[in-house]
C-alpha atoms as a PDB file:
ATOM      1  CA  MET A   1       4.816  27.996   2.123  1.00  0.00           C
ATOM      2  CA  ALA A   2       4.681  28.510   5.895  1.00  0.00           C
ATOM      3  CA  LYS A   3       2.462  25.433   6.213  1.00  0.00           C
ATOM      4  CA  PHE A   4       4.936  23.415   4.142  1.00  0.00           C
ATOM      5  CA  ASN A   5       7.888  24.562   6.295  1.00  0.00           C
ATOM      6  CA  LEU A   6       5.995  23.660   9.448  1.00  0.00           C
ATOM      7  CA  GLN A   7       5.342  20.157   8.124  1.00  0.00           C
ATOM      8  CA  VAL A   8       9.012  19.706   7.224  1.00  0.00           C
ATOM      9  CA  ALA A   9      10.094  20.854  10.685  1.00  0.00           C
ATOM     10  CA  ASN A  10       7.616  18.515  12.288  1.00  0.00           C
ATOM     11  CA  LEU A  11       8.926  15.680  10.121  1.00  0.00           C
ATOM     12  CA  ASP A  12      12.563  16.431  10.992  1.00  0.00           C
ATOM     13  CA  PHE A  13      12.331  16.905  14.733  1.00  0.00           C
ATOM     14  CA  THR A  14       9.266  15.069  15.979  1.00  0.00           C
ATOM     15  CA  ASN A  15       7.924  12.225  13.869  1.00  0.00           C
ATOM     16  CA  TRP A  16      10.572  11.507  11.244  1.00  0.00           C
ATOM     17  CA  GLN A  17      11.773   8.259  12.808  1.00  0.00           C
ATOM     18  CA  SER A  18       8.256   6.874  13.124  1.00  0.00           C
ATOM     19  CA  ASN A  19       7.307   8.041   9.627  1.00  0.00           C
ATOM     20  CA  LEU A  20      10.399   6.511   8.039  1.00  0.00           C
ATOM     21  CA  ALA A  21       9.928   3.233   9.904  1.00  0.00           C
ATOM     22  CA  THR A  22       6.278   3.060   8.864  1.00  0.00           C
ATOM     23  CA  ALA A  23       7.152   3.847   5.238  1.00  0.00           C
ATOM     24  CA  ALA A  24       9.780   1.081   5.265  1.00  0.00           C
ATOM     25  CA  ILE A  25       7.244  -1.397   6.646  1.00  0.00           C
ATOM     26  CA  ILE A  26       4.692  -0.430   3.991  1.00  0.00           C
ATOM     27  CA  PHE A  27       7.370  -0.735   1.296  1.00  0.00           C
ATOM     28  CA  ILE A  28       8.084  -4.297   2.424  1.00  0.00           C
ATOM     29  CA  SER A  29       4.352  -5.091   2.403  1.00  0.00           C
ATOM     30  CA  TRP A  30       4.066  -3.863  -1.170  1.00  0.00           C
ATOM     31  CA  SER A  31       7.282  -5.471  -2.454  1.00  0.00           C
ATOM     32  CA  PHE A  32       7.621  -8.826  -0.696  1.00  0.00           C
ATOM     33  CA  ALA A  33       4.889 -10.667  -2.592  1.00  0.00           C
ATOM     34  CA  PRO A  34       5.797  -9.489  -6.128  1.00  0.00           C
ATOM     35  CA  PHE A  35       9.436 -10.398  -5.623  1.00  0.00           C
ATOM     36  CA  SER A  36       8.487 -13.697  -4.036  1.00  0.00           C
ATOM     37  CA  TYR A  37       6.674 -14.466  -7.275  1.00  0.00           C
ATOM     38  CA  ALA A  38       9.448 -13.136  -9.498  1.00  0.00           C
ATOM     39  CA  VAL A  39      12.274 -15.151  -7.952  1.00  0.00           C
ATOM     40  CA  SER A  40      10.214 -18.328  -8.292  1.00  0.00           C
ATOM     41  CA  VAL A  41      10.033 -17.901 -12.076  1.00  0.00           C
ATOM     42  CA  SER A  42      12.933 -19.201 -14.126  1.00  0.00           C
ATOM     43  CA  GLY A  43      14.600 -16.653 -16.354  1.00  0.00           C
ATOM     44  CA  THR A  44      14.123 -13.765 -13.931  1.00  0.00           C
ATOM     45  CA  HIS A  45      16.560 -10.974 -14.751  1.00  0.00           C
ATOM     46  CA  PHE A  46      16.421  -7.700 -12.867  1.00  0.00           C
ATOM     47  CA  ASN A  47      17.376  -4.614 -14.839  1.00  0.00           C
ATOM     48  CA  THR A  48      17.854  -0.876 -14.494  1.00  0.00           C
ATOM     49  CA  HIS A  49      14.107  -0.301 -14.209  1.00  0.00           C
ATOM     50  CA  MET A  50      14.291  -1.791 -10.712  1.00  0.00           C
ATOM     51  CA  GLY A  51      16.057   1.224  -9.197  1.00  0.00           C
ATOM     52  CA  MET A  52      13.393   3.654 -10.369  1.00  0.00           C
ATOM     53  CA  LEU A  53      10.665   1.233  -9.310  1.00  0.00           C
ATOM     54  CA  PHE A  54      12.119   0.978  -5.796  1.00  0.00           C
ATOM     55  CA  LEU A  55      12.308   4.769  -5.544  1.00  0.00           C
ATOM     56  CA  TYR A  56       8.742   5.058  -6.869  1.00  0.00           C
ATOM     57  CA  GLU A  57       7.451   2.649  -4.205  1.00  0.00           C
ATOM     58  CA  LEU A  58       9.419   4.272  -1.376  1.00  0.00           C
ATOM     59  CA  LEU A  59       8.203   7.756  -2.270  1.00  0.00           C
ATOM     60  CA  LEU A  60       4.584   6.616  -2.450  1.00  0.00           C
ATOM     61  CA  ALA A  61       4.883   4.671   0.812  1.00  0.00           C
ATOM     62  CA  PHE A  62       6.258   7.761   2.560  1.00  0.00           C
ATOM     63  CA  SER A  63       3.564   9.912   0.928  1.00  0.00           C
ATOM     64  CA  LEU A  64       0.851   7.574   2.182  1.00  0.00           C
ATOM     65  CA  VAL A  65       2.231   7.776   5.731  1.00  0.00           C
ATOM     66  CA  LEU A  66       2.173  11.578   5.592  1.00  0.00           C
ATOM     67  CA  GLN A  67      -1.346  11.598   4.186  1.00  0.00           C
ATOM     68  CA  LEU A  68      -2.763   9.225   6.786  1.00  0.00           C
ATOM     69  CA  ASN A  69      -1.002  10.990   9.669  1.00  0.00           C
ATOM     70  CA  ASN A  70      -2.184  14.415   8.507  1.00  0.00           C
ATOM     71  CA  HIS A  71      -5.775  13.576   7.548  1.00  0.00           C
ATOM     72  CA  PHE A  72      -4.969  13.739   3.823  1.00  0.00           C
ATOM     73  CA  GLN A  73      -3.617  17.279   4.105  1.00  0.00           C
ATOM     74  CA  SER A  74       0.136  17.230   3.480  1.00  0.00           C
ATOM     75  CA  GLN A  75       2.009  19.492   1.093  1.00  0.00           C
ATOM     76  CA  LEU A  76       5.145  17.397   1.557  1.00  0.00           C
ATOM     77  CA  ALA A  77       3.216  14.298   0.473  1.00  0.00           C
ATOM     78  CA  ASN A  78       2.173  16.132  -2.690  1.00  0.00           C
ATOM     79  CA  LEU A  79       5.810  16.922  -3.471  1.00  0.00           C
ATOM     80  CA  LEU A  80       6.868  13.295  -3.000  1.00  0.00           C
ATOM     81  CA  ILE A  81       3.974  12.088  -5.149  1.00  0.00           C
ATOM     82  CA  ILE A  82       5.044  14.406  -7.965  1.00  0.00           C
ATOM     83  CA  ILE A  83       8.642  13.154  -7.704  1.00  0.00           C
ATOM     84  CA  SER A  84       7.394   9.555  -7.862  1.00  0.00           C
ATOM     85  CA  GLY A  85       5.662  10.440 -11.110  1.00  0.00           C
ATOM     86  CA  PHE A  86       8.948  11.694 -12.572  1.00  0.00           C
ATOM     87  CA  CYS A  87      10.591   8.420 -11.495  1.00  0.00           C
ATOM     88  CA  VAL A  88       8.020   6.514 -13.529  1.00  0.00           C
ATOM     89  CA  VAL A  89       8.454   8.743 -16.579  1.00  0.00           C
ATOM     90  CA  PHE A  90      12.261   8.514 -16.549  1.00  0.00           C
ATOM     91  CA  GLY A  91      12.378   4.842 -15.592  1.00  0.00           C
ATOM     92  CA  PHE A  92       9.756   3.465 -17.962  1.00  0.00           C
ATOM     93  CA  VAL A  93       9.849   5.845 -20.913  1.00  0.00           C
ATOM     94  CA  THR A  94      10.617   2.892 -23.199  1.00  0.00           C
ATOM     95  CA  ALA A  95       7.482   1.100 -21.973  1.00  0.00           C
ATOM     96  CA  PRO A  96       4.697   3.685 -22.378  1.00  0.00           C
ATOM     97  CA  LEU A  97       1.845   1.335 -21.425  1.00  0.00           C
ATOM     98  CA  VAL A  98       3.562   0.313 -18.183  1.00  0.00           C
ATOM     99  CA  MET A  99       4.420   3.952 -17.535  1.00  0.00           C
ATOM    100  CA  LEU A 100       0.797   5.052 -17.888  1.00  0.00           C
ATOM    101  CA  LEU A 101      -0.429   2.264 -15.611  1.00  0.00           C
ATOM    102  CA  LEU A 102       2.146   3.087 -12.932  1.00  0.00           C
ATOM    103  CA  LEU A 103       1.123   6.746 -13.038  1.00  0.00           C
ATOM    104  CA  LEU A 104      -2.439   5.867 -12.024  1.00  0.00           C
ATOM    105  CA  LEU A 105      -1.532   5.310  -8.362  1.00  0.00           C
ATOM    106  CA  PRO A 106       0.304   8.616  -7.711  1.00  0.00           C
ATOM    107  CA  ILE A 107      -2.357  10.522  -9.640  1.00  0.00           C
ATOM    108  CA  PHE A 108      -5.075   9.005  -7.471  1.00  0.00           C
ATOM    109  CA  MET A 109      -3.099   9.633  -4.274  1.00  0.00           C
ATOM    110  CA  PHE A 110      -2.709  13.276  -5.307  1.00  0.00           C
ATOM    111  CA  LEU A 111      -6.448  13.579  -5.962  1.00  0.00           C
ATOM    112  CA  MET A 112      -7.312  11.951  -2.612  1.00  0.00           C
ATOM    113  CA  GLN A 113      -6.236  15.097  -0.791  1.00  0.00           C
ATOM    114  CA  PHE A 114      -8.968  17.210  -2.374  1.00  0.00           C
ATOM    115  CA  SER A 115     -11.991  16.935  -0.089  1.00  0.00           C
ATOM    116  CA  GLN A 116     -14.214  18.249  -2.892  1.00  0.00           C
ATOM    117  CA  LEU A 117     -13.685  14.977  -4.768  1.00  0.00           C
ATOM    118  CA  ASN A 118     -14.995  12.979  -1.799  1.00  0.00           C
ATOM    119  CA  LEU A 119     -12.359  10.242  -2.015  1.00  0.00           C
ATOM    120  CA  GLN A 120     -11.583  10.037   1.708  1.00  0.00           C
ATOM    121  CA  ASN A 121     -14.202   7.347   2.225  1.00  0.00           C
ATOM    122  CA  GLU A 122     -14.991   3.752   1.340  1.00  0.00           C
ATOM    123  CA  ALA A 123     -14.934   4.515  -2.406  1.00  0.00           C
ATOM    124  CA  GLY A 124     -11.474   6.035  -2.112  1.00  0.00           C
ATOM    125  CA  LEU A 125     -10.259   3.112  -0.006  1.00  0.00           C
ATOM    126  CA  LEU A 126     -11.517   0.471  -2.439  1.00  0.00           C
ATOM    127  CA  THR A 127     -10.081   2.335  -5.426  1.00  0.00           C
ATOM    128  CA  PHE A 128      -6.722   2.829  -3.730  1.00  0.00           C
ATOM    129  CA  GLY A 129      -6.435  -0.865  -2.864  1.00  0.00           C
ATOM    130  CA  ALA A 130      -7.352  -1.914  -6.399  1.00  0.00           C
ATOM    131  CA  LEU A 131      -4.871   0.499  -8.008  1.00  0.00           C
ATOM    132  CA  LEU A 132      -2.145  -0.632  -5.628  1.00  0.00           C
ATOM    133  CA  MET A 133      -2.637  -4.249  -6.673  1.00  0.00           C
ATOM    134  CA  LEU A 134      -2.637  -3.334 -10.367  1.00  0.00           C
ATOM    135  CA  THR A 135       0.323  -0.938 -10.447  1.00  0.00           C
ATOM    136  CA  ILE A 136       3.007  -2.414  -8.183  1.00  0.00           C
ATOM    137  CA  PRO A 137       2.695  -5.970  -9.616  1.00  0.00           C
ATOM    138  CA  ILE A 138       2.823  -4.653 -13.170  1.00  0.00           C
ATOM    139  CA  GLY A 139       5.972  -2.664 -12.439  1.00  0.00           C
ATOM    140  CA  ASN A 140       7.650  -5.604 -10.755  1.00  0.00           C
ATOM    141  CA  ALA A 141       6.624  -8.014 -13.518  1.00  0.00           C
ATOM    142  CA  TYR A 142       8.025  -5.775 -16.224  1.00  0.00           C
ATOM    143  CA  ALA A 143      11.257  -4.974 -14.368  1.00  0.00           C
ATOM    144  CA  SER A 144      12.036  -8.571 -13.392  1.00  0.00           C
ATOM    145  CA  LEU A 145      10.206 -10.902 -15.778  1.00  0.00           C
ATOM    146  CA  HIS A 146       9.951  -8.635 -18.846  1.00  0.00           C
ATOM    147  CA  PHE A 147       6.290  -9.454 -19.392  1.00  0.00           C
ATOM    148  CA  ILE A 148       2.933  -8.507 -17.905  1.00  0.00           C
ATOM    149  CA  SER A 149       0.529 -11.212 -16.804  1.00  0.00           C
ATOM    150  CA  TRP A 150      -2.838 -11.242 -15.071  1.00  0.00           C
ATOM    151  CA  GLU A 151      -1.603 -14.318 -13.228  1.00  0.00           C
ATOM    152  CA  ILE A 152       0.679 -12.232 -11.043  1.00  0.00           C
ATOM    153  CA  VAL A 153      -2.087  -9.695 -10.403  1.00  0.00           C
ATOM    154  CA  LEU A 154      -4.418 -12.444  -9.175  1.00  0.00           C
ATOM    155  CA  TYR A 155      -1.559 -13.929  -7.176  1.00  0.00           C
ATOM    156  CA  LEU A 156      -1.321 -10.638  -5.301  1.00  0.00           C
ATOM    157  CA  LEU A 157      -5.019 -10.401  -4.471  1.00  0.00           C
ATOM    158  CA  PRO A 158      -4.307 -10.414  -0.686  1.00  0.00           C
ATOM    159  CA  ILE A 159      -2.329  -7.189  -1.166  1.00  0.00           C
ATOM    160  CA  MET A 160      -5.539  -5.452  -2.196  1.00  0.00           C
ATOM    161  CA  THR A 161      -7.799  -7.061   0.406  1.00  0.00           C
ATOM    162  CA  SER A 162      -5.333  -6.510   3.256  1.00  0.00           C
ATOM    163  CA  THR A 163      -5.006  -2.852   2.234  1.00  0.00           C
ATOM    164  CA  TRP A 164      -8.788  -2.524   2.348  1.00  0.00           C
ATOM    165  CA  CYS A 165      -8.939  -4.160   5.764  1.00  0.00           C
ATOM    166  CA  PHE A 166      -6.066  -2.420   7.530  1.00  0.00           C
ATOM    167  CA  LEU A 167      -6.596   1.082   6.134  1.00  0.00           C
ATOM    168  CA  THR A 168     -10.348   1.206   6.815  1.00  0.00           C
ATOM    169  CA  PRO A 169      -9.905   2.973  10.205  1.00  0.00           C
ATOM    170  CA  PHE A 170      -7.840   5.693   8.515  1.00  0.00           C
ATOM    171  CA  PHE A 171     -10.168   6.322   5.581  1.00  0.00           C
ATOM    172  CA  LEU A 172     -13.292   6.189   7.769  1.00  0.00           C
ATOM    173  CA  PRO A 173     -12.084   7.212  11.253  1.00  0.00           C
ATOM    174  CA  ARG A 174     -15.438   8.375  12.578  1.00  0.00           C
ATOM    175  CA  SER A 175     -17.953   7.042  10.080  1.00  0.00           C
ATOM    176  CA  LYS A 176     -20.910   5.022  11.336  1.00  0.00           C
ATOM    177  CA  LYS A 177     -20.198   2.610   8.477  1.00  0.00           C
ATOM    178  CA  ARG A 178     -16.664   1.899   9.701  1.00  0.00           C
ATOM    179  CA  ASN A 179     -17.399  -1.262  11.694  1.00  0.00           C
ATOM    180  CA  TRP A 180     -19.490  -2.725   8.882  1.00  0.00           C
ATOM    181  CA  LEU A 181     -16.745  -1.971   6.373  1.00  0.00           C
ATOM    182  CA  LEU A 182     -14.175  -3.488   8.739  1.00  0.00           C
ATOM    183  CA  LEU A 183     -16.246  -6.659   8.847  1.00  0.00           C
ATOM    184  CA  GLY A 184     -16.721  -6.749   5.081  1.00  0.00           C
ATOM    185  CA  THR A 185     -13.058  -6.140   4.274  1.00  0.00           C
ATOM    186  CA  LEU A 186     -12.036  -8.713   6.892  1.00  0.00           C
ATOM    187  CA  LEU A 187     -14.173 -11.333   5.162  1.00  0.00           C
ATOM    188  CA  PHE A 188     -12.725 -10.403   1.756  1.00  0.00           C
ATOM    189  CA  LEU A 189      -9.207 -10.704   3.172  1.00  0.00           C
ATOM    190  CA  ILE A 190      -9.835 -14.128   4.685  1.00  0.00           C
ATOM    191  CA  ILE A 191     -11.480 -15.361   1.470  1.00  0.00           C
ATOM    192  CA  SER A 192      -8.521 -14.115  -0.578  1.00  0.00           C
ATOM    193  CA  LEU A 193      -6.138 -16.053   1.668  1.00  0.00           C
ATOM    194  CA  PHE A 194      -7.803 -19.254   0.531  1.00  0.00           C
ATOM    195  CA  THR A 195      -6.591 -18.558  -3.008  1.00  0.00           C
ATOM    196  CA  HIS A 196      -3.200 -19.661  -1.674  1.00  0.00           C
ATOM    197  CA  PRO A 197      -2.192 -23.049  -0.269  1.00  0.00           C
ATOM    198  CA  ILE A 198      -3.483 -23.466   3.269  1.00  0.00           C
ATOM    199  CA  ASN A 199      -0.697 -24.298   5.684  1.00  0.00           C
ATOM    200  CA  ARG A 200       0.364 -23.416   9.196  1.00  0.00           C
ATOM    201  CA  LEU A 201       1.638 -20.004   8.154  1.00  0.00           C
ATOM    202  CA  THR A 202      -1.666 -19.166   6.459  1.00  0.00           C
ATOM    203  CA  ILE A 203      -3.571 -20.198   9.585  1.00  0.00           C
ATOM    204  CA  VAL A 204      -1.294 -17.993  11.703  1.00  0.00           C
ATOM    205  CA  ALA A 205      -1.998 -15.118   9.288  1.00  0.00           C
ATOM    206  CA  ILE A 206      -5.757 -15.621   9.681  1.00  0.00           C
ATOM    207  CA  ILE A 207      -5.478 -15.735  13.486  1.00  0.00           C
ATOM    208  CA  LEU A 208      -3.330 -12.589  13.489  1.00  0.00           C
ATOM    209  CA  THR A 209      -5.847 -10.804  11.261  1.00  0.00           C
ATOM    210  CA  LEU A 210      -8.744 -11.758  13.530  1.00  0.00           C
ATOM    211  CA  GLY A 211      -6.765 -10.616  16.574  1.00  0.00           C
ATOM    212  CA  TRP A 212      -6.066  -7.209  15.020  1.00  0.00           C
ATOM    213  CA  TRP A 213      -9.723  -6.860  13.990  1.00  0.00           C
ATOM    214  CA  LEU A 214     -11.025  -7.663  17.482  1.00  0.00           C
ATOM    215  CA  PHE A 215      -8.462  -5.346  19.076  1.00  0.00           C
ATOM    216  CA  THR A 216      -9.433  -2.480  16.749  1.00  0.00           C
ATOM    217  CA  LEU A 217     -13.140  -2.941  17.476  1.00  0.00           C
ATOM    218  CA  ASP A 218     -12.560  -3.263  21.222  1.00  0.00           C
ATOM    219  CA  LYS A 219     -10.399  -0.147  21.562  1.00  0.00           C
ATOM    220  CA  ARG A 220     -12.860   1.960  19.532  1.00  0.00           C
ATOM    221  CA  LEU A 221     -10.073   4.314  18.522  1.00  0.00           C
ATOM    222  CA  ALA A 222     -10.858   6.726  15.716  1.00  0.00           C
ATOM    223  CA  GLU A 223      -7.451   5.944  14.242  1.00  0.00           C
ATOM    224  CA  PRO A 224      -5.230   3.150  15.617  1.00  0.00           C
ATOM    225  CA  SER A 225      -1.441   3.355  15.541  1.00  0.00           C
ATOM    226  CA  LEU A 226      -0.385   3.487  11.886  1.00  0.00           C
ATOM    227  CA  ILE A 227       3.017   1.914  12.500  1.00  0.00           C
ATOM    228  CA  LEU A 228       1.547  -1.012  14.454  1.00  0.00           C
ATOM    229  CA  THR A 229      -1.229  -1.506  11.906  1.00  0.00           C
ATOM    230  CA  SER A 230       1.313  -1.470   9.065  1.00  0.00           C
ATOM    231  CA  LEU A 231       3.508  -3.929  10.972  1.00  0.00           C
ATOM    232  CA  VAL A 232       0.633  -6.388  11.389  1.00  0.00           C
ATOM    233  CA  GLN A 233      -0.199  -6.122   7.683  1.00  0.00           C
ATOM    234  CA  MET A 234       3.442  -6.722   6.767  1.00  0.00           C
ATOM    235  CA  LEU A 235       3.614  -9.810   8.995  1.00  0.00           C
ATOM    236  CA  ILE A 236       0.484 -11.211   7.373  1.00  0.00           C
ATOM    237  CA  ILE A 237       1.872 -10.608   3.876  1.00  0.00           C
ATOM    238  CA  VAL A 238       5.164 -12.300   4.778  1.00  0.00           C
ATOM    239  CA  LEU A 239       3.331 -15.275   6.301  1.00  0.00           C
ATOM    240  CA  ILE A 240       1.160 -15.707   3.200  1.00  0.00           C
ATOM    241  CA  TYR A 241       3.929 -15.436   0.623  1.00  0.00           C
ATOM    242  CA  TRP A 242       6.781 -17.114   2.488  1.00  0.00           C
ATOM    243  CA  ASN A 243       8.051 -19.953   0.312  1.00  0.00           C
END
């Protein structure tokens, strides 16, 4: 309990502004592409599920910030993850399959904090990125389009690959495999960008990604600034999906 109170105090008086800003940036990164797809489809009709979905995403974004800033040891993050699970249950109780799929991400984020499970590595990173792509699009598709399609999941492939690329330094801060994984995830991200029409914005996104990658390698920081890293990822997502 003392550890939890200390984390809350630290959040309130020291890092809360940065944490909230970073969570908001991550929320935009997760939400911009699905809604860009949804509004382009005729017959889109947002319903009451959207409020719970927004809260679910915000809670998980804030939880992720706390986890990454506290080396996956945050009692407050655990509390927010549990609340996000209740949001899914109450918001999607009439759609049990969607509910179960949406629960996969908070369950995995909760398990990531247990070092015994060895998920704070490349396996955890790859799984997290894949679950993120599968859960958020499904929730958005159901809440706005009233159907679930693999088309939207494939459309959001850069969400997964950019998550792999930009979160590598935080999942493997001091691993000897970090630079190799950075290179591999960078290549996957660039390849996934070519699944979208190539235009000036896409080229800018590729240049921005390469610039961030070179900067991260050059600085050799164990963990770069999370808010700046999240901001670069958000800019790339917006550039890719801007219609």
